[in-house]
Amino acid sequence: AVYLEGLSETAKQHGVVSRHIVLDFTNSEKPRDMAHIKSVCDYGRSRGYSVALDDVSSVDAVQRLVTEVRPDFVKIDMHLVRDVASAQTRDTIRTIAEMVHSSGGTVIAEGVETEEIFQTLKTLDVDLFQGYLFSAPEPVEMALKRSSSAAG
């Protein structure tokens, strides 16, 4: 609560709208304390934040987390994405997408580096994509500079 209150105050001071903030839970595959995760998610949502589960790679983990946490976003781990040529991996991704969509969430694929992987993931009902196929990572300052020079 202390951290999230500080986040709320900082966002307010800088004019950041709370709905633009996503609380990203990494290593969400093996939650140590589900009650704690749920309470943090509930508190964050009460402040207008969204919730994302990062590095998801198994149906079992998603099933429990989607039911109990109801994340707004689920990020498919890049190691799973890179193995999308495997029929078993495609089945896993498709099942994860179905579960996430049934709870109203959005599926994001991390580590999309080729057009072939991108096209395959689209057929598996993945919603959003990130990776080198679209852009290399860059500091926020460079992206803002590029964005403002394109607008001007």
N, C-alpha and C. Protein backbone atom coordinates (compact mmCIF):
# COMPACT_ATOMS: atom_id res chain seq x y z
N ALA A 1 0.83 -1.19 0.00
CA ALA A 1 0.00 0.00 0.00
C ALA A 1 0.87 1.25 0.00
N VAL A 2 1.97 1.23 0.75
CA VAL A 2 2.86 2.39 0.82
C VAL A 2 3.45 2.67 -0.56
N TYR A 3 3.93 1.63 -1.23
CA TYR A 3 4.51 1.80 -2.56
C TYR A 3 3.47 2.35 -3.53
N LEU A 4 2.28 1.76 -3.53
CA LEU A 4 1.25 2.19 -4.49
C LEU A 4 0.75 3.59 -4.18
N GLU A 5 0.69 3.97 -2.91
CA GLU A 5 0.33 5.35 -2.57
C GLU A 5 1.39 6.30 -3.11
N GLY A 6 2.67 5.94 -2.96
CA GLY A 6 3.75 6.76 -3.51
C GLY A 6 3.66 6.86 -5.02
N LEU A 7 3.34 5.75 -5.65
CA LEU A 7 3.16 5.74 -7.11
C LEU A 7 2.02 6.66 -7.50
N SER A 8 0.92 6.58 -6.78
CA SER A 8 -0.24 7.43 -7.07
C SER A 8 0.11 8.90 -6.93
N GLU A 9 0.82 9.24 -5.88
CA GLU A 9 1.22 10.64 -5.67
C GLU A 9 2.16 11.12 -6.77
N THR A 10 3.14 10.30 -7.12
CA THR A 10 4.09 10.67 -8.17
C THR A 10 3.39 10.83 -9.51
N ALA A 11 2.49 9.92 -9.83
CA ALA A 11 1.74 10.01 -11.09
C ALA A 11 0.93 11.31 -11.12
N LYS A 12 0.29 11.61 -10.01
CA LYS A 12 -0.53 12.83 -9.92
C LYS A 12 0.35 14.07 -10.11
N GLN A 13 1.51 14.10 -9.46
CA GLN A 13 2.42 15.25 -9.57
C GLN A 13 2.89 15.48 -11.00
N HIS A 14 3.03 14.39 -11.77
CA HIS A 14 3.54 14.50 -13.13
C HIS A 14 2.44 14.45 -14.19
N GLY A 15 1.20 14.46 -13.75
CA GLY A 15 0.08 14.49 -14.68
C GLY A 15 -0.16 13.20 -15.44
N VAL A 16 0.27 12.08 -14.87
CA VAL A 16 0.07 10.79 -15.51
C VAL A 16 -1.30 10.25 -15.09
N VAL A 17 -2.10 9.89 -16.07
CA VAL A 17 -3.43 9.37 -15.81
C VAL A 17 -3.30 7.93 -15.32
N SER A 18 -4.01 7.60 -14.24
CA SER A 18 -3.85 6.28 -13.63
C SER A 18 -4.18 5.13 -14.59
N ARG A 19 -5.10 5.33 -15.50
CA ARG A 19 -5.44 4.24 -16.43
C ARG A 19 -4.30 3.95 -17.41
N HIS A 20 -3.28 4.79 -17.44
CA HIS A 20 -2.11 4.56 -18.28
C HIS A 20 -1.01 3.81 -17.54
N ILE A 21 -1.26 3.43 -16.31
CA ILE A 21 -0.28 2.71 -15.50
C ILE A 21 -0.68 1.24 -15.43
N VAL A 22 0.29 0.36 -15.69
CA VAL A 22 0.06 -1.08 -15.61
C VAL A 22 1.01 -1.65 -14.57
N LEU A 23 0.43 -2.34 -13.59
CA LEU A 23 1.24 -3.04 -12.59
C LEU A 23 1.63 -4.38 -13.20
N ASP A 24 2.91 -4.57 -13.41
CA ASP A 24 3.43 -5.73 -14.13
C ASP A 24 4.04 -6.71 -13.15
N PHE A 25 3.41 -7.87 -13.00
CA PHE A 25 3.90 -8.91 -12.10
C PHE A 25 4.81 -9.84 -12.88
N THR A 26 6.11 -9.79 -12.59
CA THR A 26 7.04 -10.70 -13.25
C THR A 26 7.14 -11.98 -12.44
N ASN A 27 7.66 -13.01 -13.07
CA ASN A 27 7.76 -14.32 -12.43
C ASN A 27 6.41 -14.76 -11.86
N SER A 28 5.36 -14.46 -12.58
CA SER A 28 4.01 -14.75 -12.10
C SER A 28 3.65 -16.22 -12.21
N GLU A 29 4.54 -17.00 -12.80
CA GLU A 29 4.27 -18.44 -12.95
C GLU A 29 4.14 -19.14 -11.60
N LYS A 30 4.92 -18.69 -10.61
CA LYS A 30 4.94 -19.37 -9.32
C LYS A 30 4.68 -18.37 -8.20
N PRO A 31 3.44 -17.91 -8.08
CA PRO A 31 3.18 -16.92 -7.04
C PRO A 31 3.42 -17.50 -5.65
N ARG A 32 4.20 -16.79 -4.86
CA ARG A 32 4.51 -17.25 -3.50
C ARG A 32 3.35 -17.00 -2.56
N ASP A 33 2.64 -15.91 -2.79
CA ASP A 33 1.58 -15.53 -1.87
C ASP A 33 0.40 -14.99 -2.68
N MET A 34 -0.51 -15.88 -3.05
CA MET A 34 -1.63 -15.50 -3.90
C MET A 34 -2.50 -14.44 -3.22
N ALA A 35 -2.70 -14.54 -1.92
CA ALA A 35 -3.51 -13.55 -1.21
C ALA A 35 -2.89 -12.16 -1.32
N HIS A 36 -1.56 -12.10 -1.23
CA HIS A 36 -0.87 -10.81 -1.35
C HIS A 36 -1.01 -10.26 -2.76
N ILE A 37 -0.81 -11.09 -3.77
CA ILE A 37 -0.95 -10.65 -5.16
C ILE A 37 -2.37 -10.13 -5.40
N LYS A 38 -3.35 -10.86 -4.93
CA LYS A 38 -4.73 -10.42 -5.11
C LYS A 38 -4.99 -9.09 -4.41
N SER A 39 -4.45 -8.91 -3.22
CA SER A 39 -4.70 -7.65 -2.51
C SER A 39 -4.01 -6.48 -3.22
N VAL A 40 -2.81 -6.69 -3.75
CA VAL A 40 -2.12 -5.64 -4.50
C VAL A 40 -2.91 -5.30 -5.76
N CYS A 41 -3.40 -6.32 -6.45
CA CYS A 41 -4.20 -6.09 -7.67
C CYS A 41 -5.48 -5.34 -7.36
N ASP A 42 -6.16 -5.75 -6.31
CA ASP A 42 -7.41 -5.07 -5.91
C ASP A 42 -7.14 -3.61 -5.56
N TYR A 43 -6.08 -3.38 -4.80
CA TYR A 43 -5.73 -2.01 -4.42
C TYR A 43 -5.38 -1.18 -5.65
N GLY A 44 -4.54 -1.74 -6.53
CA GLY A 44 -4.16 -1.03 -7.75
C GLY A 44 -5.37 -0.71 -8.62
N ARG A 45 -6.25 -1.66 -8.76
CA ARG A 45 -7.46 -1.42 -9.56
C ARG A 45 -8.34 -0.34 -8.93
N SER A 46 -8.36 -0.30 -7.61
CA SER A 46 -9.17 0.73 -6.95
C SER A 46 -8.61 2.13 -7.24
N ARG A 47 -7.35 2.18 -7.66
CA ARG A 47 -6.71 3.45 -8.04
C ARG A 47 -6.74 3.68 -9.55
N GLY A 48 -7.31 2.72 -10.28
CA GLY A 48 -7.44 2.89 -11.73
C GLY A 48 -6.35 2.24 -12.55
N TYR A 49 -5.43 1.50 -11.92
CA TYR A 49 -4.34 0.84 -12.64
C TYR A 49 -4.82 -0.46 -13.27
N SER A 50 -4.12 -0.88 -14.32
CA SER A 50 -4.35 -2.19 -14.91
C SER A 50 -3.33 -3.17 -14.33
N VAL A 51 -3.55 -4.46 -14.57
CA VAL A 51 -2.66 -5.51 -14.05
C VAL A 51 -2.21 -6.39 -15.19
N ALA A 52 -0.90 -6.68 -15.23
CA ALA A 52 -0.34 -7.57 -16.24
C ALA A 52 0.45 -8.68 -15.56
N LEU A 53 0.31 -9.88 -16.09
CA LEU A 53 1.14 -11.01 -15.68
C LEU A 53 2.20 -11.20 -16.75
N ASP A 54 3.45 -11.22 -16.36
CA ASP A 54 4.56 -11.28 -17.30
C ASP A 54 5.19 -12.67 -17.28
N ASP A 55 5.83 -13.03 -18.39
CA ASP A 55 6.61 -14.27 -18.51
C ASP A 55 5.77 -15.53 -18.29
N VAL A 56 4.57 -15.54 -18.81
CA VAL A 56 3.69 -16.70 -18.66
C VAL A 56 4.04 -17.73 -19.73
N SER A 57 4.17 -19.00 -19.29
CA SER A 57 4.53 -20.03 -20.26
C SER A 57 3.82 -21.36 -20.04
N SER A 58 2.85 -21.40 -19.12
CA SER A 58 2.15 -22.66 -18.92
C SER A 58 0.66 -22.44 -18.70
N VAL A 59 -0.12 -23.39 -19.14
CA VAL A 59 -1.57 -23.35 -19.00
C VAL A 59 -1.96 -23.42 -17.53
N ASP A 60 -1.30 -24.28 -16.76
CA ASP A 60 -1.64 -24.45 -15.35
C ASP A 60 -1.53 -23.15 -14.56
N ALA A 61 -0.44 -22.43 -14.76
CA ALA A 61 -0.25 -21.17 -14.03
C ALA A 61 -1.30 -20.15 -14.43
N VAL A 62 -1.58 -20.05 -15.70
CA VAL A 62 -2.55 -19.07 -16.17
C VAL A 62 -3.94 -19.39 -15.66
N GLN A 63 -4.28 -20.65 -15.64
CA GLN A 63 -5.62 -21.03 -15.20
C GLN A 63 -5.90 -20.52 -13.79
N ARG A 64 -4.99 -20.75 -12.89
CA ARG A 64 -5.17 -20.30 -11.51
C ARG A 64 -5.14 -18.77 -11.41
N LEU A 65 -4.17 -18.15 -12.08
CA LEU A 65 -4.01 -16.70 -11.98
C LEU A 65 -5.16 -15.95 -12.65
N VAL A 66 -5.61 -16.44 -13.79
CA VAL A 66 -6.71 -15.78 -14.49
C VAL A 66 -7.97 -15.84 -13.64
N THR A 67 -8.19 -16.96 -13.00
CA THR A 67 -9.37 -17.12 -12.16
C THR A 67 -9.30 -16.23 -10.92
N GLU A 68 -8.15 -16.19 -10.27
CA GLU A 68 -8.04 -15.48 -9.00
C GLU A 68 -7.66 -14.01 -9.13
N VAL A 69 -6.81 -13.68 -10.11
CA VAL A 69 -6.31 -12.31 -10.24
C VAL A 69 -7.07 -11.53 -11.32
N ARG A 70 -7.53 -12.22 -12.36
CA ARG A 70 -8.23 -11.60 -13.49
C ARG A 70 -7.40 -10.46 -14.08
N PRO A 71 -6.22 -10.78 -14.62
CA PRO A 71 -5.34 -9.74 -15.16
C PRO A 71 -5.95 -9.09 -16.42
N ASP A 72 -5.58 -7.84 -16.62
CA ASP A 72 -5.99 -7.13 -17.83
C ASP A 72 -5.15 -7.58 -19.02
N PHE A 73 -3.89 -7.91 -18.74
CA PHE A 73 -2.94 -8.34 -19.78
C PHE A 73 -2.19 -9.58 -19.30
N VAL A 74 -1.92 -10.48 -20.22
CA VAL A 74 -1.06 -11.62 -19.95
C VAL A 74 0.00 -11.63 -21.05
N LYS A 75 1.26 -11.60 -20.64
CA LYS A 75 2.37 -11.59 -21.59
C LYS A 75 2.93 -13.00 -21.73
N ILE A 76 2.87 -13.51 -22.94
CA ILE A 76 3.42 -14.84 -23.25
C ILE A 76 4.94 -14.73 -23.27
N ASP A 77 5.60 -15.58 -22.52
CA ASP A 77 7.05 -15.57 -22.41
C ASP A 77 7.72 -15.75 -23.77
N MET A 78 8.80 -15.01 -24.00
CA MET A 78 9.47 -15.06 -25.30
C MET A 78 10.03 -16.43 -25.64
N HIS A 79 10.37 -17.23 -24.64
CA HIS A 79 10.88 -18.58 -24.93
C HIS A 79 9.77 -19.45 -25.54
N LEU A 80 8.56 -19.26 -25.09
CA LEU A 80 7.42 -19.97 -25.66
C LEU A 80 7.16 -19.45 -27.08
N VAL A 81 7.22 -18.15 -27.24
CA VAL A 81 7.00 -17.53 -28.56
C VAL A 81 8.01 -18.05 -29.57
N ARG A 82 9.25 -18.14 -29.18
CA ARG A 82 10.31 -18.58 -30.11
C ARG A 82 10.17 -20.05 -30.51
N ASP A 83 9.39 -20.81 -29.74
CA ASP A 83 9.18 -22.23 -30.03
C ASP A 83 7.83 -22.47 -30.71
N VAL A 84 7.25 -21.42 -31.31
CA VAL A 84 5.91 -21.50 -31.87
C VAL A 84 5.81 -22.46 -33.05
N ALA A 85 6.92 -22.90 -33.60
CA ALA A 85 6.88 -23.89 -34.69
C ALA A 85 6.41 -25.26 -34.18
N SER A 86 6.53 -25.48 -32.89
CA SER A 86 6.11 -26.74 -32.28
C SER A 86 4.59 -26.78 -32.12
N ALA A 87 3.97 -27.87 -32.53
CA ALA A 87 2.51 -28.02 -32.40
C ALA A 87 2.07 -27.94 -30.94
N GLN A 88 2.85 -28.52 -30.05
CA GLN A 88 2.52 -28.48 -28.62
C GLN A 88 2.54 -27.04 -28.11
N THR A 89 3.53 -26.26 -28.52
CA THR A 89 3.62 -24.87 -28.11
C THR A 89 2.45 -24.07 -28.66
N ARG A 90 2.09 -24.30 -29.90
CA ARG A 90 0.93 -23.60 -30.48
C ARG A 90 -0.33 -23.92 -29.69
N ASP A 91 -0.51 -25.18 -29.30
CA ASP A 91 -1.68 -25.56 -28.50
C ASP A 91 -1.66 -24.83 -27.14
N THR A 92 -0.50 -24.74 -26.54
CA THR A 92 -0.36 -24.04 -25.26
C THR A 92 -0.74 -22.57 -25.40
N ILE A 93 -0.20 -21.92 -26.41
CA ILE A 93 -0.49 -20.49 -26.62
C ILE A 93 -1.98 -20.28 -26.91
N ARG A 94 -2.55 -21.13 -27.74
CA ARG A 94 -3.97 -21.01 -28.08
C ARG A 94 -4.83 -21.19 -26.82
N THR A 95 -4.51 -22.16 -25.99
CA THR A 95 -5.26 -22.40 -24.76
C THR A 95 -5.13 -21.22 -23.80
N ILE A 96 -3.92 -20.70 -23.65
CA ILE A 96 -3.71 -19.52 -22.80
C ILE A 96 -4.57 -18.36 -23.32
N ALA A 97 -4.53 -18.12 -24.63
CA ALA A 97 -5.31 -17.03 -25.21
C ALA A 97 -6.80 -17.20 -24.94
N GLU A 98 -7.30 -18.41 -25.08
CA GLU A 98 -8.72 -18.66 -24.83
C GLU A 98 -9.09 -18.35 -23.38
N MET A 99 -8.26 -18.79 -22.44
CA MET A 99 -8.54 -18.54 -21.03
C MET A 99 -8.51 -17.04 -20.71
N VAL A 100 -7.50 -16.36 -21.23
CA VAL A 100 -7.35 -14.93 -20.96
C VAL A 100 -8.53 -14.16 -21.57
N HIS A 101 -8.88 -14.49 -22.80
CA HIS A 101 -10.00 -13.81 -23.45
C HIS A 101 -11.31 -14.07 -22.73
N SER A 102 -11.50 -15.28 -22.22
CA SER A 102 -12.75 -15.59 -21.53
C SER A 102 -12.91 -14.79 -20.24
N SER A 103 -11.80 -14.29 -19.70
CA SER A 103 -11.88 -13.46 -18.50
C SER A 103 -11.83 -11.97 -18.84
N GLY A 104 -11.82 -11.66 -20.13
CA GLY A 104 -11.82 -10.27 -20.56
C GLY A 104 -10.45 -9.64 -20.71
N GLY A 105 -9.40 -10.45 -20.67
CA GLY A 105 -8.04 -9.93 -20.76
C GLY A 105 -7.50 -9.88 -22.18
N THR A 106 -6.33 -9.30 -22.31
CA THR A 106 -5.62 -9.13 -23.58
C THR A 106 -4.32 -9.92 -23.52
N VAL A 107 -4.00 -10.62 -24.62
CA VAL A 107 -2.79 -11.45 -24.69
C VAL A 107 -1.72 -10.71 -25.49
N ILE A 108 -0.53 -10.65 -24.91
CA ILE A 108 0.62 -10.01 -25.54
C ILE A 108 1.71 -11.05 -25.73
N ALA A 109 2.29 -11.09 -26.92
CA ALA A 109 3.42 -11.98 -27.19
C ALA A 109 4.71 -11.16 -27.14
N GLU A 110 5.67 -11.63 -26.33
CA GLU A 110 6.96 -10.98 -26.21
C GLU A 110 7.97 -11.68 -27.11
N GLY A 111 8.95 -10.94 -27.60
CA GLY A 111 10.04 -11.55 -28.34
C GLY A 111 9.68 -11.93 -29.77
N VAL A 112 8.80 -11.19 -30.40
CA VAL A 112 8.42 -11.47 -31.78
C VAL A 112 9.50 -10.88 -32.69
N GLU A 113 10.25 -11.76 -33.34
CA GLU A 113 11.41 -11.29 -34.10
C GLU A 113 11.33 -11.57 -35.59
N THR A 114 10.37 -12.39 -36.03
CA THR A 114 10.26 -12.66 -37.47
C THR A 114 8.81 -12.53 -37.92
N GLU A 115 8.64 -12.26 -39.18
CA GLU A 115 7.29 -12.16 -39.76
C GLU A 115 6.56 -13.50 -39.63
N GLU A 116 7.27 -14.60 -39.79
CA GLU A 116 6.66 -15.92 -39.68
C GLU A 116 6.07 -16.15 -38.28
N ILE A 117 6.83 -15.81 -37.27
CA ILE A 117 6.33 -15.95 -35.90
C ILE A 117 5.13 -15.04 -35.69
N PHE A 118 5.21 -13.81 -36.16
CA PHE A 118 4.11 -12.86 -36.03
C PHE A 118 2.84 -13.40 -36.68
N GLN A 119 2.94 -13.90 -37.89
CA GLN A 119 1.76 -14.41 -38.60
C GLN A 119 1.17 -15.63 -37.88
N THR A 120 2.04 -16.50 -37.38
CA THR A 120 1.56 -17.68 -36.66
C THR A 120 0.82 -17.27 -35.38
N LEU A 121 1.37 -16.34 -34.64
CA LEU A 121 0.76 -15.88 -33.39
C LEU A 121 -0.60 -15.23 -33.64
N LYS A 122 -0.73 -14.54 -34.75
CA LYS A 122 -2.03 -13.94 -35.08
C LYS A 122 -3.09 -15.02 -35.25
N THR A 123 -2.71 -16.17 -35.80
CA THR A 123 -3.70 -17.25 -35.98
C THR A 123 -4.07 -17.92 -34.66
N LEU A 124 -3.26 -17.67 -33.62
CA LEU A 124 -3.50 -18.27 -32.30
C LEU A 124 -4.25 -17.31 -31.38
N ASP A 125 -4.78 -16.24 -31.94
CA ASP A 125 -5.59 -15.25 -31.21
C ASP A 125 -4.80 -14.41 -30.21
N VAL A 126 -3.51 -14.20 -30.48
CA VAL A 126 -2.74 -13.26 -29.68
C VAL A 126 -3.15 -11.86 -30.13
N ASP A 127 -3.30 -10.94 -29.18
CA ASP A 127 -3.83 -9.61 -29.48
C ASP A 127 -2.77 -8.57 -29.82
N LEU A 128 -1.69 -8.55 -29.03
CA LEU A 128 -0.66 -7.53 -29.18
C LEU A 128 0.70 -8.20 -29.24
N PHE A 129 1.67 -7.48 -29.85
CA PHE A 129 2.98 -8.07 -30.10
C PHE A 129 4.07 -7.06 -29.79
N GLN A 130 5.18 -7.58 -29.26
CA GLN A 130 6.35 -6.73 -29.07
C GLN A 130 7.59 -7.53 -29.41
N GLY A 131 8.58 -6.84 -29.93
CA GLY A 131 9.82 -7.51 -30.28
C GLY A 131 10.57 -6.76 -31.36
N TYR A 132 11.72 -7.28 -31.70
CA TYR A 132 12.59 -6.64 -32.67
C TYR A 132 11.98 -6.54 -34.06
N LEU A 133 11.01 -7.36 -34.39
CA LEU A 133 10.35 -7.23 -35.68
C LEU A 133 9.74 -5.83 -35.84
N PHE A 134 9.30 -5.26 -34.74
CA PHE A 134 8.63 -3.96 -34.77
C PHE A 134 9.55 -2.82 -34.41
N SER A 135 10.42 -3.03 -33.43
CA SER A 135 11.34 -1.97 -32.99
C SER A 135 12.32 -2.53 -31.98
N ALA A 136 13.54 -2.05 -32.07
CA ALA A 136 14.53 -2.38 -31.04
C ALA A 136 14.19 -1.54 -29.80
N PRO A 137 14.53 -2.03 -28.61
CA PRO A 137 14.29 -1.22 -27.41
C PRO A 137 15.07 0.08 -27.50
N GLU A 138 14.49 1.14 -26.97
CA GLU A 138 15.20 2.41 -26.95
C GLU A 138 14.78 3.19 -25.71
N PRO A 139 15.65 4.08 -25.25
CA PRO A 139 15.30 4.89 -24.08
C PRO A 139 14.08 5.76 -24.38
N VAL A 140 13.30 6.03 -23.37
CA VAL A 140 12.09 6.84 -23.51
C VAL A 140 12.42 8.19 -24.14
N GLU A 141 13.51 8.78 -23.71
CA GLU A 141 13.88 10.10 -24.23
C GLU A 141 14.04 10.09 -25.75
N MET A 142 14.64 9.03 -26.29
CA MET A 142 14.82 8.94 -27.75
C MET A 142 13.47 8.76 -28.46
N ALA A 143 12.62 7.95 -27.89
CA ALA A 143 11.30 7.73 -28.49
C ALA A 143 10.50 9.03 -28.49
N LEU A 144 10.55 9.77 -27.39
CA LEU A 144 9.84 11.04 -27.32
C LEU A 144 10.40 12.05 -28.33
N LYS A 145 11.72 12.08 -28.44
CA LYS A 145 12.37 12.99 -29.39
C LYS A 145 11.95 12.65 -30.82
N ARG A 146 11.98 11.37 -31.14
CA ARG A 146 11.59 10.90 -32.47
C ARG A 146 10.11 11.23 -32.74
N SER A 147 9.29 11.02 -31.73
CA SER A 147 7.85 11.28 -31.84
C SER A 147 7.56 12.76 -32.04
N SER A 148 8.24 13.61 -31.28
CA SER A 148 7.98 15.06 -31.39
C SER A 148 8.52 15.63 -32.70
N SER A 149 9.63 15.08 -33.19
CA SER A 149 10.16 15.57 -34.47
C SER A 149 9.28 15.11 -35.64
N ALA A 150 8.65 13.95 -35.51
CA ALA A 150 7.74 13.48 -36.55
C ALA A 150 6.45 14.30 -36.55
N ALA A 151 6.03 14.75 -35.37
CA ALA A 151 4.81 15.54 -35.26
C ALA A 151 5.01 16.98 -35.73
N GLY A 152 6.27 17.46 -35.66
CA GLY A 152 6.56 18.86 -35.98
C GLY A 152 6.91 19.02 -37.40
